Amino acid sequence: MDRCMGDAVSYTQREPEKALLSALAAGYVLRLLPLAGIVKMFIRLSLALLKPAAFIYGGAKLWQKAQNGAPSPAVQEGS
């Protein structure tokens, strides 16, 4: 991070006009992007997928406990 900052500072000192133009262009492009909408969509999608994921995880854990708690066929044959 320090190297990137140093490179940016040295570029700005060497060519201030190009640096200013680049900063303005980057700001304009970022302003056009619907960042708030993208973040809201990501949060909605995450929350929508959370319930099924938790349900599947709980079912897998119950299945795992049922398999660990049941005696294996080899134990039943020896009895």
PDB file of N, CA and C in Angstrom:
ATOM      1  N   MET A   1       0.836  -1.189   0.000  1.00  0.00           N
ATOM      2  CA  MET A   1       0.000   0.000   0.000  1.00  0.00           C
ATOM      3  C   MET A   1       0.877   1.246   0.000  1.00  0.00           C
ATOM      4  N   ASP A   2       1.945   1.192   0.793  1.00  0.00           N
ATOM      5  CA  ASP A   2       2.840   2.349   0.846  1.00  0.00           C
ATOM      6  C   ASP A   2       3.495   2.603  -0.510  1.00  0.00           C
ATOM      7  N   ARG A   3       3.869   1.511  -1.202  1.00  0.00           N
ATOM      8  CA  ARG A   3       4.498   1.660  -2.516  1.00  0.00           C
ATOM      9  C   ARG A   3       3.515   2.288  -3.507  1.00  0.00           C
ATOM     10  N   CYS A   4       2.256   1.844  -3.466  1.00  0.00           N
ATOM     11  CA  CYS A   4       1.244   2.416  -4.364  1.00  0.00           C
ATOM     12  C   CYS A   4       1.036   3.898  -4.085  1.00  0.00           C
ATOM     13  N   MET A   5       0.988   4.249  -2.813  1.00  0.00           N
ATOM     14  CA  MET A   5       0.832   5.665  -2.454  1.00  0.00           C
ATOM     15  C   MET A   5       2.036   6.468  -2.915  1.00  0.00           C
ATOM     16  N   GLY A   6       3.230   5.913  -2.746  1.00  0.00           N
ATOM     17  CA  GLY A   6       4.443   6.606  -3.196  1.00  0.00           C
ATOM     18  C   GLY A   6       4.448   6.795  -4.703  1.00  0.00           C
ATOM     19  N   ASP A   7       4.013   5.755  -5.428  1.00  0.00           N
ATOM     20  CA  ASP A   7       3.934   5.871  -6.892  1.00  0.00           C
ATOM     21  C   ASP A   7       2.927   6.940  -7.305  1.00  0.00           C
ATOM     22  N   ALA A   8       1.796   6.984  -6.634  1.00  0.00           N
ATOM     23  CA  ALA A   8       0.770   7.976  -6.958  1.00  0.00           C
ATOM     24  C   ALA A   8       1.272   9.390  -6.678  1.00  0.00           C
ATOM     25  N   VAL A   9       1.961   9.563  -5.569  1.00  0.00           N
ATOM     26  CA  VAL A   9       2.490  10.888  -5.227  1.00  0.00           C
ATOM     27  C   VAL A   9       3.547  11.318  -6.238  1.00  0.00           C
ATOM     28  N   SER A  10       4.441  10.409  -6.592  1.00  0.00           N
ATOM     29  CA  SER A  10       5.490  10.781  -7.549  1.00  0.00           C
ATOM     30  C   SER A  10       4.883  11.081  -8.924  1.00  0.00           C
ATOM     31  N   TYR A  11       3.871  10.313  -9.341  1.00  0.00           N
ATOM     32  CA  TYR A  11       3.197  10.581 -10.619  1.00  0.00           C
ATOM     33  C   TYR A  11       2.513  11.941 -10.583  1.00  0.00           C
ATOM     34  N   THR A  12       1.884  12.256  -9.463  1.00  0.00           N
ATOM     35  CA  THR A  12       1.197  13.536  -9.320  1.00  0.00           C
ATOM     36  C   THR A  12       2.193  14.690  -9.363  1.00  0.00           C
ATOM     37  N   GLN A  13       3.360  14.497  -8.782  1.00  0.00           N
ATOM     38  CA  GLN A  13       4.361  15.555  -8.793  1.00  0.00           C
ATOM     39  C   GLN A  13       4.978  15.735 -10.185  1.00  0.00           C
ATOM     40  N   ARG A  14       5.132  14.632 -10.928  1.00  0.00           N
ATOM     41  CA  ARG A  14       5.711  14.709 -12.267  1.00  0.00           C
ATOM     42  C   ARG A  14       4.728  15.276 -13.277  1.00  0.00           C
ATOM     43  N   GLU A  15       3.470  14.825 -13.224  1.00  0.00           N
ATOM     44  CA  GLU A  15       2.477  15.226 -14.222  1.00  0.00           C
ATOM     45  C   GLU A  15       1.148  15.565 -13.534  1.00  0.00           C
ATOM     46  N   PRO A  16       1.060  16.760 -12.968  1.00  0.00           N
ATOM     47  CA  PRO A  16      -0.150  17.117 -12.212  1.00  0.00           C
ATOM     48  C   PRO A  16      -1.412  17.215 -13.075  1.00  0.00           C
ATOM     49  N   GLU A  17      -1.270  17.654 -14.339  1.00  0.00           N
ATOM     50  CA  GLU A  17      -2.453  17.785 -15.190  1.00  0.00           C
ATOM     51  C   GLU A  17      -3.077  16.428 -15.490  1.00  0.00           C
ATOM     52  N   LYS A  18      -2.229  15.461 -15.835  1.00  0.00           N
ATOM     53  CA  LYS A  18      -2.727  14.115 -16.135  1.00  0.00           C
ATOM     54  C   LYS A  18      -3.321  13.461 -14.889  1.00  0.00           C
ATOM     55  N   ALA A  19      -2.698  13.696 -13.736  1.00  0.00           N
ATOM     56  CA  ALA A  19      -3.212  13.130 -12.493  1.00  0.00           C
ATOM     57  C   ALA A  19      -4.584  13.706 -12.160  1.00  0.00           C
ATOM     58  N   LEU A  20      -4.738  15.006 -12.350  1.00  0.00           N
ATOM     59  CA  LEU A  20      -6.025  15.641 -12.081  1.00  0.00           C
ATOM     60  C   LEU A  20      -7.085  15.139 -13.045  1.00  0.00           C
ATOM     61  N   LEU A  21      -6.736  15.027 -14.318  1.00  0.00           N
ATOM     62  CA  LEU A  21      -7.680  14.520 -15.308  1.00  0.00           C
ATOM     63  C   LEU A  21      -8.076  13.071 -15.002  1.00  0.00           C
ATOM     64  N   SER A  22      -7.100  12.255 -14.585  1.00  0.00           N
ATOM     65  CA  SER A  22      -7.385  10.856 -14.227  1.00  0.00           C
ATOM     66  C   SER A  22      -8.312  10.780 -13.022  1.00  0.00           C
ATOM     67  N   ALA A  23      -8.066  11.637 -12.028  1.00  0.00           N
ATOM     68  CA  ALA A  23      -8.907  11.648 -10.831  1.00  0.00           C
ATOM     69  C   ALA A  23     -10.329  12.075 -11.169  1.00  0.00           C
ATOM     70  N   LEU A  24     -10.466  13.077 -12.039  1.00  0.00           N
ATOM     71  CA  LEU A  24     -11.800  13.518 -12.444  1.00  0.00           C
ATOM     72  C   LEU A  24     -12.528  12.431 -13.221  1.00  0.00           C
ATOM     73  N   ALA A  25     -11.818  11.757 -14.110  1.00  0.00           N
ATOM     74  CA  ALA A  25     -12.436  10.678 -14.890  1.00  0.00           C
ATOM     75  C   ALA A  25     -12.863   9.532 -13.980  1.00  0.00           C
ATOM     76  N   ALA A  26     -12.006   9.162 -13.027  1.00  0.00           N
ATOM     77  CA  ALA A  26     -12.340   8.078 -12.105  1.00  0.00           C
ATOM     78  C   ALA A  26     -13.552   8.451 -11.251  1.00  0.00           C
ATOM     79  N   GLY A  27     -13.603   9.702 -10.783  1.00  0.00           N
ATOM     80  CA  GLY A  27     -14.749  10.158 -10.000  1.00  0.00           C
ATOM     81  C   GLY A  27     -16.027  10.146 -10.804  1.00  0.00           C
ATOM     82  N   TYR A  28     -15.950  10.540 -12.070  1.00  0.00           N
ATOM     83  CA  TYR A  28     -17.128  10.539 -12.938  1.00  0.00           C
ATOM     84  C   TYR A  28     -17.643   9.124 -13.155  1.00  0.00           C
ATOM     85  N   VAL A  29     -16.726   8.200 -13.419  1.00  0.00           N
ATOM     86  CA  VAL A  29     -17.123   6.801 -13.636  1.00  0.00           C
ATOM     87  C   VAL A  29     -17.733   6.216 -12.370  1.00  0.00           C
ATOM     88  N   LEU A  30     -17.114   6.489 -11.222  1.00  0.00           N
ATOM     89  CA  LEU A  30     -17.670   5.976  -9.963  1.00  0.00           C
ATOM     90  C   LEU A  30     -19.034   6.578  -9.669  1.00  0.00           C
ATOM     91  N   ARG A  31     -19.234   7.817 -10.063  1.00  0.00           N
ATOM     92  CA  ARG A  31     -20.532   8.469  -9.845  1.00  0.00           C
ATOM     93  C   ARG A  31     -21.615   7.835 -10.705  1.00  0.00           C
ATOM     94  N   LEU A  32     -21.241   7.366 -11.883  1.00  0.00           N
ATOM     95  CA  LEU A  32     -22.220   6.740 -12.778  1.00  0.00           C
ATOM     96  C   LEU A  32     -22.629   5.342 -12.308  1.00  0.00           C
ATOM     97  N   LEU A  33     -21.733   4.664 -11.622  1.00  0.00           N
ATOM     98  CA  LEU A  33     -22.054   3.307 -11.174  1.00  0.00           C
ATOM     99  C   LEU A  33     -23.095   3.342 -10.060  1.00  0.00           C
ATOM    100  N   PRO A  34     -24.057   2.466 -10.115  1.00  0.00           N
ATOM    101  CA  PRO A  34     -25.079   2.413  -9.056  1.00  0.00           C
ATOM    102  C   PRO A  34     -24.585   1.595  -7.857  1.00  0.00           C
ATOM    103  N   LEU A  35     -23.578   2.126  -7.154  1.00  0.00           N
ATOM    104  CA  LEU A  35     -22.965   1.372  -6.059  1.00  0.00           C
ATOM    105  C   LEU A  35     -23.959   1.060  -4.947  1.00  0.00           C
ATOM    106  N   ALA A  36     -24.817   2.005  -4.609  1.00  0.00           N
ATOM    107  CA  ALA A  36     -25.792   1.761  -3.547  1.00  0.00           C
ATOM    108  C   ALA A  36     -26.744   0.646  -3.953  1.00  0.00           C
ATOM    109  N   GLY A  37     -27.170   0.637  -5.201  1.00  0.00           N
ATOM    110  CA  GLY A  37     -28.053  -0.420  -5.688  1.00  0.00           C
ATOM    111  C   GLY A  37     -27.374  -1.785  -5.691  1.00  0.00           C
ATOM    112  N   ILE A  38     -26.105  -1.795  -6.057  1.00  0.00           N
ATOM    113  CA  ILE A  38     -25.358  -3.060  -6.057  1.00  0.00           C
ATOM    114  C   ILE A  38     -25.232  -3.596  -4.642  1.00  0.00           C
ATOM    115  N   VAL A  39     -24.913  -2.730  -3.690  1.00  0.00           N
ATOM    116  CA  VAL A  39     -24.777  -3.160  -2.291  1.00  0.00           C
ATOM    117  C   VAL A  39     -26.117  -3.645  -1.750  1.00  0.00           C
ATOM    118  N   LYS A  40     -27.200  -2.923  -2.043  1.00  0.00           N
ATOM    119  CA  LYS A  40     -28.535  -3.331  -1.580  1.00  0.00           C
ATOM    120  C   LYS A  40     -28.922  -4.686  -2.168  1.00  0.00           C
ATOM    121  N   MET A  41     -28.634  -4.887  -3.469  1.00  0.00           N
ATOM    122  CA  MET A  41     -28.949  -6.158  -4.108  1.00  0.00           C
ATOM    123  C   MET A  41     -28.161  -7.300  -3.469  1.00  0.00           C
ATOM    124  N   PHE A  42     -26.886  -7.051  -3.171  1.00  0.00           N
ATOM    125  CA  PHE A  42     -26.053  -8.074  -2.553  1.00  0.00           C
ATOM    126  C   PHE A  42     -26.579  -8.442  -1.164  1.00  0.00           C
ATOM    127  N   ILE A  43     -26.991  -7.455  -0.396  1.00  0.00           N
ATOM    128  CA  ILE A  43     -27.526  -7.721   0.952  1.00  0.00           C
ATOM    129  C   ILE A  43     -28.839  -8.485   0.856  1.00  0.00           C
ATOM    130  N   ARG A  44     -29.729  -8.078  -0.076  1.00  0.00           N
ATOM    131  CA  ARG A  44     -30.999  -8.789  -0.246  1.00  0.00           C
ATOM    132  C   ARG A  44     -30.783 -10.227  -0.664  1.00  0.00           C
ATOM    133  N   LEU A  45     -29.860 -10.442  -1.584  1.00  0.00           N
ATOM    134  CA  LEU A  45     -29.560 -11.793  -2.043  1.00  0.00           C
ATOM    135  C   LEU A  45     -28.988 -12.639  -0.916  1.00  0.00           C
ATOM    136  N   SER A  46     -28.081 -12.053  -0.129  1.00  0.00           N
ATOM    137  CA  SER A  46     -27.496 -12.785   0.994  1.00  0.00           C
ATOM    138  C   SER A  46     -28.560 -13.181   2.015  1.00  0.00           C
ATOM    139  N   LEU A  47     -29.450 -12.252   2.334  1.00  0.00           N
ATOM    140  CA  LEU A  47     -30.495 -12.553   3.305  1.00  0.00           C
ATOM    141  C   LEU A  47     -31.487 -13.578   2.760  1.00  0.00           C
ATOM    142  N   ALA A  48     -31.758 -13.523   1.461  1.00  0.00           N
ATOM    143  CA  ALA A  48     -32.680 -14.485   0.863  1.00  0.00           C
ATOM    144  C   ALA A  48     -32.086 -15.891   0.861  1.00  0.00           C
ATOM    145  N   LEU A  49     -30.788 -15.994   0.699  1.00  0.00           N
ATOM    146  CA  LEU A  49     -30.133 -17.305   0.666  1.00  0.00           C
ATOM    147  C   LEU A  49     -29.763 -17.816   2.055  1.00  0.00           C
ATOM    148  N   LEU A  50     -29.871 -16.974   3.061  1.00  0.00           N
ATOM    149  CA  LEU A  50     -29.481 -17.373   4.409  1.00  0.00           C
ATOM    150  C   LEU A  50     -30.416 -18.430   4.981  1.00  0.00           C
ATOM    151  N   LYS A  51     -31.727 -18.287   4.807  1.00  0.00           N
ATOM    152  CA  LYS A  51     -32.681 -19.256   5.343  1.00  0.00           C
ATOM    153  C   LYS A  51     -32.496 -20.645   4.742  1.00  0.00           C
ATOM    154  N   PRO A  52     -32.435 -20.791   3.417  1.00  0.00           N
ATOM    155  CA  PRO A  52     -32.223 -22.132   2.873  1.00  0.00           C
ATOM    156  C   PRO A  52     -30.868 -22.718   3.262  1.00  0.00           C
ATOM    157  N   ALA A  53     -29.854 -21.875   3.330  1.00  0.00           N
ATOM    158  CA  ALA A  53     -28.531 -22.371   3.707  1.00  0.00           C
ATOM    159  C   ALA A  53     -28.538 -22.872   5.149  1.00  0.00           C
ATOM    160  N   ALA A  54     -29.189 -22.132   6.046  1.00  0.00           N
ATOM    161  CA  ALA A  54     -29.269 -22.558   7.444  1.00  0.00           C
ATOM    162  C   ALA A  54     -30.091 -23.842   7.570  1.00  0.00           C
ATOM    163  N   PHE A  55     -31.153 -23.953   6.795  1.00  0.00           N
ATOM    164  CA  PHE A  55     -31.984 -25.158   6.813  1.00  0.00           C
ATOM    165  C   PHE A  55     -31.191 -26.375   6.333  1.00  0.00           C
ATOM    166  N   ILE A  56     -30.456 -26.223   5.246  1.00  0.00           N
ATOM    167  CA  ILE A  56     -29.654 -27.330   4.719  1.00  0.00           C
ATOM    168  C   ILE A  56     -28.545 -27.693   5.691  1.00  0.00           C
ATOM    169  N   TYR A  57     -27.901 -26.698   6.295  1.00  0.00           N
ATOM    170  CA  TYR A  57     -26.842 -26.960   7.271  1.00  0.00           C
ATOM    171  C   TYR A  57     -27.395 -27.702   8.483  1.00  0.00           C
ATOM    172  N   GLY A  58     -28.550 -27.264   8.978  1.00  0.00           N
ATOM    173  CA  GLY A  58     -29.169 -27.948  10.120  1.00  0.00           C
ATOM    174  C   GLY A  58     -29.560 -29.372   9.779  1.00  0.00           C
ATOM    175  N   GLY A  59     -30.101 -29.575   8.584  1.00  0.00           N
ATOM    176  CA  GLY A  59     -30.453 -30.933   8.162  1.00  0.00           C
ATOM    177  C   GLY A  59     -29.229 -31.819   8.043  1.00  0.00           C
ATOM    178  N   ALA A  60     -28.143 -31.281   7.535  1.00  0.00           N
ATOM    179  CA  ALA A  60     -26.907 -32.061   7.417  1.00  0.00           C
ATOM    180  C   ALA A  60     -26.368 -32.423   8.794  1.00  0.00           C
ATOM    181  N   LYS A  61     -26.437 -31.504   9.731  1.00  0.00           N
ATOM    182  CA  LYS A  61     -25.961 -31.794  11.093  1.00  0.00           C
ATOM    183  C   LYS A  61     -26.839 -32.856  11.760  1.00  0.00           C
ATOM    184  N   LEU A  62     -28.161 -32.765  11.571  1.00  0.00           N
ATOM    185  CA  LEU A  62     -29.043 -33.782  12.122  1.00  0.00           C
ATOM    186  C   LEU A  62     -28.754 -35.146  11.507  1.00  0.00           C
ATOM    187  N   TRP A  63     -28.547 -35.190  10.205  1.00  0.00           N
ATOM    188  CA  TRP A  63     -28.207 -36.435   9.520  1.00  0.00           C
ATOM    189  C   TRP A  63     -26.897 -36.996  10.058  1.00  0.00           C
ATOM    190  N   GLN A  64     -25.925 -36.125  10.267  1.00  0.00           N
ATOM    191  CA  GLN A  64     -24.627 -36.559  10.792  1.00  0.00           C
ATOM    192  C   GLN A  64     -24.784 -37.120  12.207  1.00  0.00           C
ATOM    193  N   LYS A  65     -25.560 -36.463  13.045  1.00  0.00           N
ATOM    194  CA  LYS A  65     -25.784 -36.968  14.399  1.00  0.00           C
ATOM    195  C   LYS A  65     -26.531 -38.288  14.378  1.00  0.00           C
ATOM    196  N   ALA A  66     -27.500 -38.420  13.473  1.00  0.00           N
ATOM    197  CA  ALA A  66     -28.252 -39.674  13.371  1.00  0.00           C
ATOM    198  C   ALA A  66     -27.342 -40.809  12.923  1.00  0.00           C
ATOM    199  N   GLN A  67     -26.419 -40.525  12.023  1.00  0.00           N
ATOM    200  CA  GLN A  67     -25.504 -41.553  11.551  1.00  0.00           C
ATOM    201  C   GLN A  67     -24.499 -41.933  12.630  1.00  0.00           C
ATOM    202  N   ASN A  68     -24.030 -40.982  13.414  1.00  0.00           N
ATOM    203  CA  ASN A  68     -23.079 -41.262  14.490  1.00  0.00           C
ATOM    204  C   ASN A  68     -23.748 -41.966  15.659  1.00  0.00           C
ATOM    205  N   GLY A  69     -25.017 -41.685  15.908  1.00  0.00           N
ATOM    206  CA  GLY A  69     -25.708 -42.275  17.042  1.00  0.00           C
ATOM    207  C   GLY A  69     -26.207 -43.680  16.770  1.00  0.00           C
ATOM    208  N   ALA A  70     -26.444 -44.022  15.518  1.00  0.00           N
ATOM    209  CA  ALA A  70     -26.946 -45.352  15.169  1.00  0.00           C
ATOM    210  C   ALA A  70     -25.811 -46.366  15.215  1.00  0.00           C
ATOM    211  N   PRO A  71     -26.065 -47.543  15.740  1.00  0.00           N
ATOM    212  CA  PRO A  71     -24.993 -48.553  15.748  1.00  0.00           C
ATOM    213  C   PRO A  71     -24.704 -49.032  14.335  1.00  0.00           C
ATOM    214  N   SER A  72     -23.434 -49.295  14.070  1.00  0.00           N
ATOM    215  CA  SER A  72     -23.042 -49.721  12.733  1.00  0.00           C
ATOM    216  C   SER A  72     -23.465 -51.175  12.513  1.00  0.00           C
ATOM    217  N   PRO A  73     -23.612 -51.622  11.270  1.00  0.00           N
ATOM    218  CA  PRO A  73     -24.032 -53.006  10.982  1.00  0.00           C
ATOM    219  C   PRO A  73     -23.054 -54.037  11.538  1.00  0.00           C
ATOM    220  N   ALA A  74     -21.778 -53.713  11.614  1.00  0.00           N
ATOM    221  CA  ALA A  74     -20.793 -54.669  12.134  1.00  0.00           C
ATOM    222  C   ALA A  74     -21.022 -54.924  13.605  1.00  0.00           C
ATOM    223  N   VAL A  75     -21.447 -53.934  14.356  1.00  0.00           N
ATOM    224  CA  VAL A  75     -21.708 -54.102  15.783  1.00  0.00           C
ATOM    225  C   VAL A  75     -22.951 -54.965  15.976  1.00  0.00           C
ATOM    226  N   GLN A  76     -23.980 -54.784  15.135  1.00  0.00           N
ATOM    227  CA  GLN A  76     -25.203 -55.546  15.260  1.00  0.00           C
ATOM    228  C   GLN A  76     -24.971 -57.012  14.954  1.00  0.00           C
ATOM    229  N   GLU A  77     -24.100 -57.349  13.999  1.00  0.00           N
ATOM    230  CA  GLU A  77     -23.839 -58.739  13.653  1.00  0.00           C
ATOM    231  C   GLU A  77     -23.118 -59.462  14.772  1.00  0.00           C
ATOM    232  N   GLY A  78     -22.263 -58.761  15.501  1.00  0.00           N
ATOM    233  CA  GLY A  78     -21.493 -59.395  16.574  1.00  0.00           C
ATOM    234  C   GLY A  78     -22.333 -59.657  17.801  1.00  0.00           C
ATOM    235  N   SER A  79     -23.471 -59.054  17.970  1.00  0.00           N
ATOM    236  CA  SER A  79     -24.297 -59.209  19.169  1.00  0.00           C
ATOM    237  C   SER A  79     -25.061 -60.500  19.167  1.00  0.00           C
TER     238      SER A  79
END
